[in-house]
Amino acid sequence: MNTALRNDDRDFWAEIKKIRASKPTKCRMVDGVSGDNDIAQLFASSYKDLYNSVPYSESEMRKLTMLM
């Protein structure tokens, strides 16, 4: 039975302590790329592509900021 349903505070906090004690695992491969530097480069490249995918017009931005 679930500790919350039993209303057993000690078991509940023991479970929380177990969860917090576990270390997160490190992803070894992203989109076929492995290694810290290569994965970082992949994210940087993807962010750059996304950032540059939207056209930018100064006059349009001025209009938008005036509406706020």
PDB file of N, CA and C in Angstrom:
ATOM      1  N   MET A   1       0.847  -1.185   0.000  1.00  0.00           N
ATOM      2  CA  MET A   1       0.000   0.000   0.000  1.00  0.00           C
ATOM      3  C   MET A   1       0.888   1.241   0.000  1.00  0.00           C
ATOM      4  N   ASN A   2       0.460   2.256  -0.652  1.00  0.00           N
ATOM      5  CA  ASN A   2       1.175   3.523  -0.760  1.00  0.00           C
ATOM      6  C   ASN A   2       1.319   4.183   0.611  1.00  0.00           C
ATOM      7  N   THR A   3       2.523   4.704   0.917  1.00  0.00           N
ATOM      8  CA  THR A   3       2.751   5.331   2.225  1.00  0.00           C
ATOM      9  C   THR A   3       1.854   6.537   2.434  1.00  0.00           C
ATOM     10  N   ALA A   4       1.526   7.259   1.362  1.00  0.00           N
ATOM     11  CA  ALA A   4       0.642   8.415   1.508  1.00  0.00           C
ATOM     12  C   ALA A   4      -0.762   7.967   1.885  1.00  0.00           C
ATOM     13  N   LEU A   5      -1.201   6.859   1.326  1.00  0.00           N
ATOM     14  CA  LEU A   5      -2.533   6.346   1.651  1.00  0.00           C
ATOM     15  C   LEU A   5      -2.594   5.824   3.075  1.00  0.00           C
ATOM     16  N   ARG A   6      -1.486   5.258   3.547  1.00  0.00           N
ATOM     17  CA  ARG A   6      -1.435   4.752   4.925  1.00  0.00           C
ATOM     18  C   ARG A   6      -1.254   5.896   5.919  1.00  0.00           C
ATOM     19  N   ASN A   7      -0.908   7.075   5.404  1.00  0.00           N
ATOM     20  CA  ASN A   7      -0.653   8.241   6.244  1.00  0.00           C
ATOM     21  C   ASN A   7       0.510   7.977   7.198  1.00  0.00           C
ATOM     22  N   ASP A   8       1.535   7.333   6.694  1.00  0.00           N
ATOM     23  CA  ASP A   8       2.718   7.012   7.478  1.00  0.00           C
ATOM     24  C   ASP A   8       3.824   7.990   7.101  1.00  0.00           C
ATOM     25  N   ASP A   9       3.932   9.076   7.850  1.00  0.00           N
ATOM     26  CA  ASP A   9       4.879  10.142   7.528  1.00  0.00           C
ATOM     27  C   ASP A   9       6.324   9.663   7.487  1.00  0.00           C
ATOM     28  N   ARG A  10       6.706   8.786   8.387  1.00  0.00           N
ATOM     29  CA  ARG A  10       8.099   8.340   8.410  1.00  0.00           C
ATOM     30  C   ARG A  10       8.465   7.596   7.129  1.00  0.00           C
ATOM     31  N   ASP A  11       7.609   6.710   6.662  1.00  0.00           N
ATOM     32  CA  ASP A  11       7.882   5.990   5.417  1.00  0.00           C
ATOM     33  C   ASP A  11       7.895   6.954   4.232  1.00  0.00           C
ATOM     34  N   PHE A  12       6.987   7.909   4.233  1.00  0.00           N
ATOM     35  CA  PHE A  12       6.935   8.889   3.150  1.00  0.00           C
ATOM     36  C   PHE A  12       8.255   9.636   3.036  1.00  0.00           C
ATOM     37  N   TRP A  13       8.768  10.160   4.144  1.00  0.00           N
ATOM     38  CA  TRP A  13      10.012  10.925   4.100  1.00  0.00           C
ATOM     39  C   TRP A  13      11.215  10.031   3.817  1.00  0.00           C
ATOM     40  N   ALA A  14      11.153   8.772   4.194  1.00  0.00           N
ATOM     41  CA  ALA A  14      12.233   7.839   3.864  1.00  0.00           C
ATOM     42  C   ALA A  14      12.278   7.628   2.347  1.00  0.00           C
ATOM     43  N   GLU A  15      11.100   7.539   1.717  1.00  0.00           N
ATOM     44  CA  GLU A  15      11.048   7.392   0.265  1.00  0.00           C
ATOM     45  C   GLU A  15      11.588   8.636  -0.429  1.00  0.00           C
ATOM     46  N   ILE A  16      11.246   9.799   0.051  1.00  0.00           N
ATOM     47  CA  ILE A  16      11.748  11.058  -0.523  1.00  0.00           C
ATOM     48  C   ILE A  16      13.267  11.108  -0.405  1.00  0.00           C
ATOM     49  N   LYS A  17      13.787  10.701   0.737  1.00  0.00           N
ATOM     50  CA  LYS A  17      15.237  10.698   0.945  1.00  0.00           C
ATOM     51  C   LYS A  17      15.924   9.760  -0.047  1.00  0.00           C
ATOM     52  N   LYS A  18      15.316   8.597  -0.319  1.00  0.00           N
ATOM     53  CA  LYS A  18      15.879   7.651  -1.288  1.00  0.00           C
ATOM     54  C   LYS A  18      15.912   8.263  -2.685  1.00  0.00           C
ATOM     55  N   ILE A  19      14.835   8.937  -3.047  1.00  0.00           N
ATOM     56  CA  ILE A  19      14.755   9.550  -4.371  1.00  0.00           C
ATOM     57  C   ILE A  19      15.811  10.640  -4.530  1.00  0.00           C
ATOM     58  N   ARG A  20      15.939  11.469  -3.532  1.00  0.00           N
ATOM     59  CA  ARG A  20      16.907  12.569  -3.601  1.00  0.00           C
ATOM     60  C   ARG A  20      18.345  12.081  -3.591  1.00  0.00           C
ATOM     61  N   ALA A  21      18.585  10.933  -3.010  1.00  0.00           N
ATOM     62  CA  ALA A  21      19.946  10.411  -2.911  1.00  0.00           C
ATOM     63  C   ALA A  21      20.429   9.824  -4.235  1.00  0.00           C
ATOM     64  N   SER A  22      19.500   9.475  -5.109  1.00  0.00           N
ATOM     65  CA  SER A  22      19.924   8.870  -6.377  1.00  0.00           C
ATOM     66  C   SER A  22      20.523   9.931  -7.290  1.00  0.00           C
ATOM     67  N   LYS A  23      21.573   9.577  -7.948  1.00  0.00           N
ATOM     68  CA  LYS A  23      22.282  10.501  -8.833  1.00  0.00           C
ATOM     69  C   LYS A  23      21.664  10.436 -10.231  1.00  0.00           C
ATOM     70  N   PRO A  24      21.525  11.584 -10.896  1.00  0.00           N
ATOM     71  CA  PRO A  24      20.994  11.544 -12.266  1.00  0.00           C
ATOM     72  C   PRO A  24      21.993  10.874 -13.205  1.00  0.00           C
ATOM     73  N   THR A  25      21.469  10.183 -14.193  1.00  0.00           N
ATOM     74  CA  THR A  25      22.345   9.529 -15.149  1.00  0.00           C
ATOM     75  C   THR A  25      22.678  10.493 -16.284  1.00  0.00           C
ATOM     76  N   LYS A  26      23.838  10.305 -16.852  1.00  0.00           N
ATOM     77  CA  LYS A  26      24.322  11.154 -17.932  1.00  0.00           C
ATOM     78  C   LYS A  26      23.973  10.508 -19.266  1.00  0.00           C
ATOM     79  N   CYS A  27      23.404  11.281 -20.158  1.00  0.00           N
ATOM     80  CA  CYS A  27      23.056  10.786 -21.482  1.00  0.00           C
ATOM     81  C   CYS A  27      24.352  10.598 -22.279  1.00  0.00           C
ATOM     82  N   ARG A  28      24.522   9.439 -22.868  1.00  0.00           N
ATOM     83  CA  ARG A  28      25.763   9.143 -23.587  1.00  0.00           C
ATOM     84  C   ARG A  28      25.682   9.460 -25.067  1.00  0.00           C
ATOM     85  N   MET A  29      24.455   9.500 -25.624  1.00  0.00           N
ATOM     86  CA  MET A  29      24.323   9.741 -27.047  1.00  0.00           C
ATOM     87  C   MET A  29      23.068  10.570 -27.322  1.00  0.00           C
ATOM     88  N   VAL A  30      23.212  11.582 -28.180  1.00  0.00           N
ATOM     89  CA  VAL A  30      22.099  12.430 -28.594  1.00  0.00           C
ATOM     90  C   VAL A  30      22.145  12.529 -30.111  1.00  0.00           C
ATOM     91  N   ASP A  31      21.060  12.149 -30.746  1.00  0.00           N
ATOM     92  CA  ASP A  31      20.972  12.192 -32.216  1.00  0.00           C
ATOM     93  C   ASP A  31      22.193  11.578 -32.900  1.00  0.00           C
ATOM     94  N   GLY A  32      22.668  10.469 -32.379  1.00  0.00           N
ATOM     95  CA  GLY A  32      23.793   9.768 -32.983  1.00  0.00           C
ATOM     96  C   GLY A  32      25.150  10.356 -32.659  1.00  0.00           C
ATOM     97  N   VAL A  33      25.199  11.368 -31.791  1.00  0.00           N
ATOM     98  CA  VAL A  33      26.455  12.027 -31.417  1.00  0.00           C
ATOM     99  C   VAL A  33      26.782  11.650 -29.982  1.00  0.00           C
ATOM    100  N   SER A  34      28.050  11.347 -29.715  1.00  0.00           N
ATOM    101  CA  SER A  34      28.457  11.012 -28.352  1.00  0.00           C
ATOM    102  C   SER A  34      29.645  11.877 -27.943  1.00  0.00           C
ATOM    103  N   GLY A  35      29.876  11.943 -26.657  1.00  0.00           N
ATOM    104  CA  GLY A  35      30.972  12.760 -26.112  1.00  0.00           C
ATOM    105  C   GLY A  35      30.468  14.146 -25.743  1.00  0.00           C
ATOM    106  N   ASP A  36      30.963  14.653 -24.623  1.00  0.00           N
ATOM    107  CA  ASP A  36      30.501  15.946 -24.106  1.00  0.00           C
ATOM    108  C   ASP A  36      30.655  17.081 -25.115  1.00  0.00           C
ATOM    109  N   ASN A  37      31.834  17.197 -25.712  1.00  0.00           N
ATOM    110  CA  ASN A  37      32.077  18.301 -26.650  1.00  0.00           C
ATOM    111  C   ASN A  37      31.216  18.196 -27.902  1.00  0.00           C
ATOM    112  N   ASP A  38      31.085  16.990 -28.445  1.00  0.00           N
ATOM    113  CA  ASP A  38      30.284  16.800 -29.655  1.00  0.00           C
ATOM    114  C   ASP A  38      28.806  17.070 -29.390  1.00  0.00           C
ATOM    115  N   ILE A  39      28.311  16.631 -28.237  1.00  0.00           N
ATOM    116  CA  ILE A  39      26.913  16.894 -27.882  1.00  0.00           C
ATOM    117  C   ILE A  39      26.693  18.385 -27.681  1.00  0.00           C
ATOM    118  N   ALA A  40      27.641  19.059 -27.041  1.00  0.00           N
ATOM    119  CA  ALA A  40      27.532  20.512 -26.853  1.00  0.00           C
ATOM    120  C   ALA A  40      27.502  21.224 -28.201  1.00  0.00           C
ATOM    121  N   GLN A  41      28.341  20.778 -29.141  1.00  0.00           N
ATOM    122  CA  GLN A  41      28.357  21.370 -30.480  1.00  0.00           C
ATOM    123  C   GLN A  41      27.031  21.131 -31.201  1.00  0.00           C
ATOM    124  N   LEU A  42      26.454  19.957 -31.025  1.00  0.00           N
ATOM    125  CA  LEU A  42      25.162  19.640 -31.629  1.00  0.00           C
ATOM    126  C   LEU A  42      24.082  20.591 -31.106  1.00  0.00           C
ATOM    127  N   PHE A  43      24.050  20.794 -29.790  1.00  0.00           N
ATOM    128  CA  PHE A  43      23.071  21.709 -29.204  1.00  0.00           C
ATOM    129  C   PHE A  43      23.306  23.138 -29.687  1.00  0.00           C
ATOM    130  N   ALA A  44      24.563  23.561 -29.745  1.00  0.00           N
ATOM    131  CA  ALA A  44      24.877  24.920 -30.207  1.00  0.00           C
ATOM    132  C   ALA A  44      24.430  25.109 -31.649  1.00  0.00           C
ATOM    133  N   SER A  45      24.687  24.134 -32.480  1.00  0.00           N
ATOM    134  CA  SER A  45      24.297  24.211 -33.885  1.00  0.00           C
ATOM    135  C   SER A  45      22.773  24.232 -34.033  1.00  0.00           C
ATOM    136  N   SER A  46      22.095  23.373 -33.269  1.00  0.00           N
ATOM    137  CA  SER A  46      20.629  23.333 -33.326  1.00  0.00           C
ATOM    138  C   SER A  46      20.031  24.644 -32.852  1.00  0.00           C
ATOM    139  N   TYR A  47      20.587  25.212 -31.768  1.00  0.00           N
ATOM    140  CA  TYR A  47      20.087  26.490 -31.251  1.00  0.00           C
ATOM    141  C   TYR A  47      20.306  27.600 -32.284  1.00  0.00           C
ATOM    142  N   LYS A  48      21.473  27.611 -32.905  1.00  0.00           N
ATOM    143  CA  LYS A  48      21.783  28.630 -33.917  1.00  0.00           C
ATOM    144  C   LYS A  48      20.799  28.541 -35.085  1.00  0.00           C
ATOM    145  N   ASP A  49      20.540  27.318 -35.552  1.00  0.00           N
ATOM    146  CA  ASP A  49      19.579  27.122 -36.639  1.00  0.00           C
ATOM    147  C   ASP A  49      18.191  27.614 -36.248  1.00  0.00           C
ATOM    148  N   LEU A  50      17.759  27.265 -35.042  1.00  0.00           N
ATOM    149  CA  LEU A  50      16.447  27.690 -34.569  1.00  0.00           C
ATOM    150  C   LEU A  50      16.376  29.203 -34.417  1.00  0.00           C
ATOM    151  N   TYR A  51      17.404  29.789 -33.817  1.00  0.00           N
ATOM    152  CA  TYR A  51      17.451  31.236 -33.581  1.00  0.00           C
ATOM    153  C   TYR A  51      17.401  32.006 -34.904  1.00  0.00           C
ATOM    154  N   ASN A  52      18.080  31.489 -35.911  1.00  0.00           N
ATOM    155  CA  ASN A  52      18.145  32.178 -37.203  1.00  0.00           C
ATOM    156  C   ASN A  52      17.016  31.800 -38.158  1.00  0.00           C
ATOM    157  N   SER A  53      16.116  30.930 -37.734  1.00  0.00           N
ATOM    158  CA  SER A  53      15.045  30.482 -38.620  1.00  0.00           C
ATOM    159  C   SER A  53      13.883  31.480 -38.697  1.00  0.00           C
ATOM    160  N   VAL A  54      13.857  32.437 -37.801  1.00  0.00           N
ATOM    161  CA  VAL A  54      12.771  33.411 -37.781  1.00  0.00           C
ATOM    162  C   VAL A  54      13.292  34.729 -38.343  1.00  0.00           C
ATOM    163  N   PRO A  55      12.630  35.252 -39.377  1.00  0.00           N
ATOM    164  CA  PRO A  55      13.089  36.525 -39.942  1.00  0.00           C
ATOM    165  C   PRO A  55      12.932  37.652 -38.919  1.00  0.00           C
ATOM    166  N   TYR A  56      13.799  38.624 -39.015  1.00  0.00           N
ATOM    167  CA  TYR A  56      13.804  39.736 -38.061  1.00  0.00           C
ATOM    168  C   TYR A  56      13.698  41.047 -38.822  1.00  0.00           C
ATOM    169  N   SER A  57      12.758  41.853 -38.415  1.00  0.00           N
ATOM    170  CA  SER A  57      12.581  43.163 -39.017  1.00  0.00           C
ATOM    171  C   SER A  57      12.505  44.197 -37.896  1.00  0.00           C
ATOM    172  N   GLU A  58      13.410  45.176 -37.928  1.00  0.00           N
ATOM    173  CA  GLU A  58      13.427  46.185 -36.863  1.00  0.00           C
ATOM    174  C   GLU A  58      12.105  46.937 -36.777  1.00  0.00           C
ATOM    175  N   SER A  59      11.531  47.299 -37.922  1.00  0.00           N
ATOM    176  CA  SER A  59      10.270  48.050 -37.893  1.00  0.00           C
ATOM    177  C   SER A  59       9.138  47.203 -37.303  1.00  0.00           C
ATOM    178  N   GLU A  60       9.107  45.918 -37.633  1.00  0.00           N
ATOM    179  CA  GLU A  60       8.087  45.029 -37.064  1.00  0.00           C
ATOM    180  C   GLU A  60       8.273  44.893 -35.557  1.00  0.00           C
ATOM    181  N   MET A  61       9.509  44.792 -35.104  1.00  0.00           N
ATOM    182  CA  MET A  61       9.773  44.675 -33.673  1.00  0.00           C
ATOM    183  C   MET A  61       9.347  45.943 -32.933  1.00  0.00           C
ATOM    184  N   ARG A  62       9.596  47.090 -33.506  1.00  0.00           N
ATOM    185  CA  ARG A  62       9.160  48.352 -32.886  1.00  0.00           C
ATOM    186  C   ARG A  62       7.642  48.370 -32.745  1.00  0.00           C
ATOM    187  N   LYS A  63       6.933  47.941 -33.786  1.00  0.00           N
ATOM    188  CA  LYS A  63       5.473  47.907 -33.744  1.00  0.00           C
ATOM    189  C   LYS A  63       4.994  46.977 -32.634  1.00  0.00           C
ATOM    190  N   LEU A  64       5.621  45.816 -32.546  1.00  0.00           N
ATOM    191  CA  LEU A  64       5.223  44.842 -31.517  1.00  0.00           C
ATOM    192  C   LEU A  64       5.470  45.384 -30.107  1.00  0.00           C
ATOM    193  N   THR A  65       6.610  46.022 -29.889  1.00  0.00           N
ATOM    194  CA  THR A  65       6.916  46.514 -28.542  1.00  0.00           C
ATOM    195  C   THR A  65       6.027  47.688 -28.178  1.00  0.00           C
ATOM    196  N   MET A  66       5.541  48.424 -29.146  1.00  0.00           N
ATOM    197  CA  MET A  66       4.620  49.541 -28.854  1.00  0.00           C
ATOM    198  C   MET A  66       3.253  49.018 -28.421  1.00  0.00           C
ATOM    199  N   LEU A  67       2.886  47.839 -28.864  1.00  0.00           N
ATOM    200  CA  LEU A  67       1.601  47.258 -28.502  1.00  0.00           C
ATOM    201  C   LEU A  67       1.578  46.763 -27.066  1.00  0.00           C
ATOM    202  N   MET A  68       2.727  46.530 -26.497  1.00  0.00           N
ATOM    203  CA  MET A  68       2.790  45.971 -25.146  1.00  0.00           C
ATOM    204  C   MET A  68       2.608  47.002 -24.092  1.00  0.00           C
TER     205      MET A  68
END
